[in-house]
Amino acid sequence: MIPPRPLRPLFSVVTPVLGEAGRINDLVDHIRMSGYGLALEIIVVDGDPASSTLAALSREGVLGLTAPRGRASQLNAGAAAARGENLLFLHADTRLPAGAFQAAAAALDGPADAGAFSLAIRSKNPLLACIAAGATLRSRLFSLPYGDQAQFVRRDLFNAMGGFPAIPLMEDVALMRTIVRAGGRVVILPLRATTSARRWRAEGILKTTARNLALITLYSLGVAPARLARLYPAMPDLARRGRG
């Protein structure tokens, strides 16, 4: 008797990490709770050659990989190992809304080729709520969501587009722009992915927002991502953990 083939995951969730040993198990639990009852694959890609985050990973059934440090490199490594029909790229400091996978699957089964969620920032500050709403509006108008909005895409399309470009910054926007230019449709779902406010708290709300707007404007005007990366310093606490 031929054994049944294992069920192909509906989504492979790819998470790049660096210095996230204290958060990684909670993140895996969150992904599984968000996708409860669905066939999911979770892939954690550590950019630390010593695999410090993977060493702290105690949850079973998670594929742990290492890759050269850099978000594009780590995401591409995870996608290359993925078995799912679709890919969802989740930053370590972003949390998914309830029903995220069902909503993303419905979008990809319909007219969308890729997409992301609306943005929320984990803070009670009303100014940050306005900034998140503005970022959502921008991404909806131009079909260019950021990675902290939990981008998702059909795996075959991701491969056809060549994955994330090997650039130090704006790899998330670059992928979505490539899809749009190829005639694909990128949707922004009304459900909100919630990202950490730690950078705004550390660097100041107005300074961080102004820099983010300047970065995407300059990138749209053709400034090389390597030059833009100099304007985007590592977070102080992350630098102490090896991101600097």
Foldseek 3Di string as FASTA:
>chain_A
DDDDDDDQFQEEEEEEDFLCLVQVQVQVVLVCVLQPPGRYAYEYEYQDPVCNNVVSDDDPRHHYYYFHDADQGRRVVSLVPHRHQKYWYAYSQKGFDRCRSVVQSVQVVPQAQKEFEQAAEPDPDVVRRVLSNVLRVVCAVVVFHDSSRTIMGGSVVCVVLVHFDPFRDPSSRVSRVSCVVVVGHYHYHHGYMYGYCVVCVQPPVVVVSVLVVVLVVVVVVPDGRVVSVVVPDDRPVVVVSPPD
